[in-house]
Amino acid sequence: MSFAVVTAIYTTLGFMGAKMFGKDVKSQITLSMAPEHIVTKIALWATVVAPMTKYALEFTPFAIQLEHALPSSMSARTKTIIRGCIGSFSLLVILTLALSVPYFEHVLSLTGSLVSVAVCLILPCAFYVKICWGQISKPLLLLNLFLIIFGFVLAVMGTISSSQLLLKNLQSHNLRHKE
């Protein structure tokens, strides 16, 4: 039910935006907003901050798993420091990549195809199957396996498409700078 409500809200906002801006609507909502308004600045910063918080949330399980893999003879404080350093280093690598690529929208689409499909579709189905293996009916098992396979196909197709667009734009960007 909540997905239907969110979909309805996004669809309504999309139609309202198209009605407001007509044929002049841009590919990103922040490009269509008037640059002198404070609301535009807030929306722009929200667009920048949201992926950063997303990465922190998505890398926390990785850091926790790393902490559990460390020897038990280490103190809890040392493990926490190592976990924090690994998490911070991973975030800095991702931030460096995002800043070095001039086409941020392609980086976001690549991130969406790689991580969001896994977090929203593949992992919940896989965990459900793993946790409830003995109690799942055959049709429900087949549905979950289909969704996992479908998620992998979506992730691969999205990654290939995003990578191709990113490489195409990087090549055209490099050609313009050589001229």
Foldseek 3Di string as FASTA:
>chain_A
DVVVVVVVVVVVVVVVQCVVQPPNDDPDNLVSDDPVDPVSVVVVVCVVVVVLVVLLVVCVVVLVVVLVVDDPVDDPVVSVVVSVVVSVVVSVVLVVVCVVQPDNVLVVLLCCLAPVLCVPFQVVLVVVCVVCVPPDDPVSVVVSVVRNVVSVVSSVVSNVVSVVVSVVVVVVVVVVVVD
